[in-house]
Amino acid sequence: MEYIKNDYELKQLALDIALEAIQEVKQHGGDHYELIDQAAANSQHAIYTYKAIMLCANCCTADAEALLDDASYRFDSFAHHACVLAEVTIQNAALQEFYELGGEVAA
């Protein structure tokens, strides 16, 4: 995927992350939340500035912005802001999908 163009594509990425976390915990144990956090942090859409900017421009980031504001998170640059906001947006979307799948009960 070149970059995420809309909320539907973000939801699909989030669903993939949630399903992968559930499968990983079933097979090898571990913590769903940690796996989701790692997947979001390592997503190409959070690492590469252009992809992060496009995600932020094309998707609803309101929940992630609120989380970062509540934590009084400060940014070094526009690129840093875009990457962190994209990561938290992906993580939040993946957690929502995880809960919709039944959360820890599904695992």
C-alpha atoms as a PDB file:
ATOM      1  CA  MET A   1       0.000   0.000   0.000  1.00  0.00           C
ATOM      2  CA  GLU A   2       1.541   3.279  -1.111  1.00  0.00           C
ATOM      3  CA  TYR A   3      -0.156   5.324   1.598  1.00  0.00           C
ATOM      4  CA  ILE A   4      -3.457   5.231   3.451  1.00  0.00           C
ATOM      5  CA  LYS A   5      -6.024   7.183   1.467  1.00  0.00           C
ATOM      6  CA  ASN A   6      -9.094   7.022   3.735  1.00  0.00           C
ATOM      7  CA  ASP A   7     -10.565   5.720   6.974  1.00  0.00           C
ATOM      8  CA  TYR A   8     -11.595   2.438   5.313  1.00  0.00           C
ATOM      9  CA  GLU A   9      -7.959   1.626   4.480  1.00  0.00           C
ATOM     10  CA  LEU A  10      -6.946   2.623   8.016  1.00  0.00           C
ATOM     11  CA  LYS A  11      -9.619   0.281   9.388  1.00  0.00           C
ATOM     12  CA  GLN A  12      -8.310  -2.562   7.201  1.00  0.00           C
ATOM     13  CA  LEU A  13      -4.750  -2.009   8.467  1.00  0.00           C
ATOM     14  CA  ALA A  14      -6.058  -1.873  12.032  1.00  0.00           C
ATOM     15  CA  LEU A  15      -8.022  -5.099  11.555  1.00  0.00           C
ATOM     16  CA  ASP A  16      -4.917  -6.844  10.197  1.00  0.00           C
ATOM     17  CA  ILE A  17      -2.904  -5.688  13.221  1.00  0.00           C
ATOM     18  CA  ALA A  18      -5.610  -6.827  15.675  1.00  0.00           C
ATOM     19  CA  LEU A  19      -5.969 -10.246  14.034  1.00  0.00           C
ATOM     20  CA  GLU A  20      -2.200 -10.702  13.958  1.00  0.00           C
ATOM     21  CA  ALA A  21      -1.974  -9.855  17.673  1.00  0.00           C
ATOM     22  CA  ILE A  22      -4.717 -12.348  18.523  1.00  0.00           C
ATOM     23  CA  GLN A  23      -3.043 -15.081  16.453  1.00  0.00           C
ATOM     24  CA  GLU A  24       0.392 -14.350  17.940  1.00  0.00           C
ATOM     25  CA  VAL A  25      -0.917 -14.586  21.511  1.00  0.00           C
ATOM     26  CA  LYS A  26      -2.786 -17.823  20.714  1.00  0.00           C
ATOM     27  CA  GLN A  27       0.344 -19.408  19.271  1.00  0.00           C
ATOM     28  CA  HIS A  28       3.108 -17.991  21.459  1.00  0.00           C
ATOM     29  CA  GLY A  29       1.516 -16.142  24.366  1.00  0.00           C
ATOM     30  CA  GLY A  30       2.272 -12.573  25.214  1.00  0.00           C
ATOM     31  CA  ASP A  31       0.404  -9.343  25.634  1.00  0.00           C
ATOM     32  CA  HIS A  32      -2.100  -8.210  23.006  1.00  0.00           C
ATOM     33  CA  TYR A  33      -1.625  -4.559  23.868  1.00  0.00           C
ATOM     34  CA  GLU A  34       2.137  -4.703  23.590  1.00  0.00           C
ATOM     35  CA  LEU A  35       1.917  -6.447  20.220  1.00  0.00           C
ATOM     36  CA  ILE A  36      -0.558  -3.870  18.909  1.00  0.00           C
ATOM     37  CA  ASP A  37       1.666  -1.059  20.178  1.00  0.00           C
ATOM     38  CA  GLN A  38       4.735  -2.571  18.491  1.00  0.00           C
ATOM     39  CA  ALA A  39       2.887  -3.134  15.210  1.00  0.00           C
ATOM     40  CA  ALA A  40       1.665   0.469  15.144  1.00  0.00           C
ATOM     41  CA  ALA A  41       5.135   1.813  15.975  1.00  0.00           C
ATOM     42  CA  ASN A  42       6.723  -0.323  13.253  1.00  0.00           C
ATOM     43  CA  SER A  43       4.107   0.397  10.591  1.00  0.00           C
ATOM     44  CA  GLN A  44       5.517   1.959   7.453  1.00  0.00           C
ATOM     45  CA  HIS A  45       2.679   4.488   7.760  1.00  0.00           C
ATOM     46  CA  ALA A  46       4.124   5.749  11.046  1.00  0.00           C
ATOM     47  CA  ILE A  47       7.818   5.460  10.160  1.00  0.00           C
ATOM     48  CA  TYR A  48       7.951   7.175   6.772  1.00  0.00           C
ATOM     49  CA  THR A  49       7.149  10.877   7.071  1.00  0.00           C
ATOM     50  CA  TYR A  50       5.319  11.148   3.745  1.00  0.00           C
ATOM     51  CA  LYS A  51       3.069   8.187   4.546  1.00  0.00           C
ATOM     52  CA  ALA A  52       2.442   9.537   8.041  1.00  0.00           C
ATOM     53  CA  ILE A  53       1.500  12.960   6.682  1.00  0.00           C
ATOM     54  CA  MET A  54      -0.857  11.394   4.151  1.00  0.00           C
ATOM     55  CA  LEU A  55      -2.506   9.264   6.853  1.00  0.00           C
ATOM     56  CA  CYS A  56      -2.998  12.358   9.007  1.00  0.00           C
ATOM     57  CA  ALA A  57      -4.395  14.314   6.053  1.00  0.00           C
ATOM     58  CA  ASN A  58      -6.741  11.569   4.842  1.00  0.00           C
ATOM     59  CA  CYS A  59      -8.043   9.983   8.043  1.00  0.00           C
ATOM     60  CA  CYS A  60      -9.769  11.068  11.218  1.00  0.00           C
ATOM     61  CA  THR A  61      -7.061  11.617  13.829  1.00  0.00           C
ATOM     62  CA  ALA A  62      -9.245  13.306  16.466  1.00  0.00           C
ATOM     63  CA  ASP A  63      -8.989  10.502  19.048  1.00  0.00           C
ATOM     64  CA  ALA A  64      -5.216  10.300  18.700  1.00  0.00           C
ATOM     65  CA  GLU A  65      -4.891  14.080  18.927  1.00  0.00           C
ATOM     66  CA  ALA A  66      -6.937  14.052  22.129  1.00  0.00           C
ATOM     67  CA  LEU A  67      -4.759  11.309  23.632  1.00  0.00           C
ATOM     68  CA  LEU A  68      -1.592  13.227  22.812  1.00  0.00           C
ATOM     69  CA  ASP A  69      -3.055  16.482  24.152  1.00  0.00           C
ATOM     70  CA  ASP A  70      -4.084  14.756  27.388  1.00  0.00           C
ATOM     71  CA  ALA A  71      -0.533  13.463  27.774  1.00  0.00           C
ATOM     72  CA  SER A  72       0.861  16.972  27.038  1.00  0.00           C
ATOM     73  CA  TYR A  73       3.032  15.419  24.334  1.00  0.00           C
ATOM     74  CA  ARG A  74       5.406  17.881  22.633  1.00  0.00           C
ATOM     75  CA  PHE A  75       6.921  17.541  19.182  1.00  0.00           C
ATOM     76  CA  ASP A  76      10.364  18.428  17.806  1.00  0.00           C
ATOM     77  CA  SER A  77       9.189  19.132  14.271  1.00  0.00           C
ATOM     78  CA  PHE A  78       6.286  18.823  11.864  1.00  0.00           C
ATOM     79  CA  ALA A  79       7.634  15.464  10.653  1.00  0.00           C
ATOM     80  CA  HIS A  80       7.876  14.178  14.231  1.00  0.00           C
ATOM     81  CA  HIS A  81       4.324  15.356  14.891  1.00  0.00           C
ATOM     82  CA  ALA A  82       2.990  13.575  11.791  1.00  0.00           C
ATOM     83  CA  CYS A  83       4.780  10.306  12.593  1.00  0.00           C
ATOM     84  CA  VAL A  84       3.683  10.203  16.242  1.00  0.00           C
ATOM     85  CA  LEU A  85       0.117  11.178  15.358  1.00  0.00           C
ATOM     86  CA  ALA A  86      -0.008   8.482  12.667  1.00  0.00           C
ATOM     87  CA  GLU A  87       1.355   5.871  15.091  1.00  0.00           C
ATOM     88  CA  VAL A  88      -1.203   6.711  17.781  1.00  0.00           C
ATOM     89  CA  THR A  89      -4.000   6.811  15.185  1.00  0.00           C
ATOM     90  CA  ILE A  90      -3.048   3.327  13.949  1.00  0.00           C
ATOM     91  CA  GLN A  91      -2.711   2.025  17.492  1.00  0.00           C
ATOM     92  CA  ASN A  92      -6.083   3.444  18.528  1.00  0.00           C
ATOM     93  CA  ALA A  93      -7.799   2.033  15.417  1.00  0.00           C
ATOM     94  CA  ALA A  94      -6.207  -1.395  16.013  1.00  0.00           C
ATOM     95  CA  LEU A  95      -7.368  -1.401  19.637  1.00  0.00           C
ATOM     96  CA  GLN A  96     -10.901  -0.548  18.510  1.00  0.00           C
ATOM     97  CA  GLU A  97     -10.816  -3.466  16.053  1.00  0.00           C
ATOM     98  CA  PHE A  98      -9.384  -5.729  18.773  1.00  0.00           C
ATOM     99  CA  TYR A  99     -12.286  -4.873  21.080  1.00  0.00           C
ATOM    100  CA  GLU A 100     -14.829  -5.318  18.264  1.00  0.00           C
ATOM    101  CA  LEU A 101     -13.411  -8.796  17.677  1.00  0.00           C
ATOM    102  CA  GLY A 102     -14.053  -9.620  21.328  1.00  0.00           C
ATOM    103  CA  GLY A 103     -10.799  -8.423  22.832  1.00  0.00           C
ATOM    104  CA  GLU A 104      -9.026 -10.856  25.070  1.00  0.00           C
ATOM    105  CA  VAL A 105     -12.015 -13.208  24.914  1.00  0.00           C
ATOM    106  CA  ALA A 106     -11.324 -13.734  21.208  1.00  0.00           C
ATOM    107  CA  ALA A 107      -7.842 -14.897  22.041  1.00  0.00           C
END
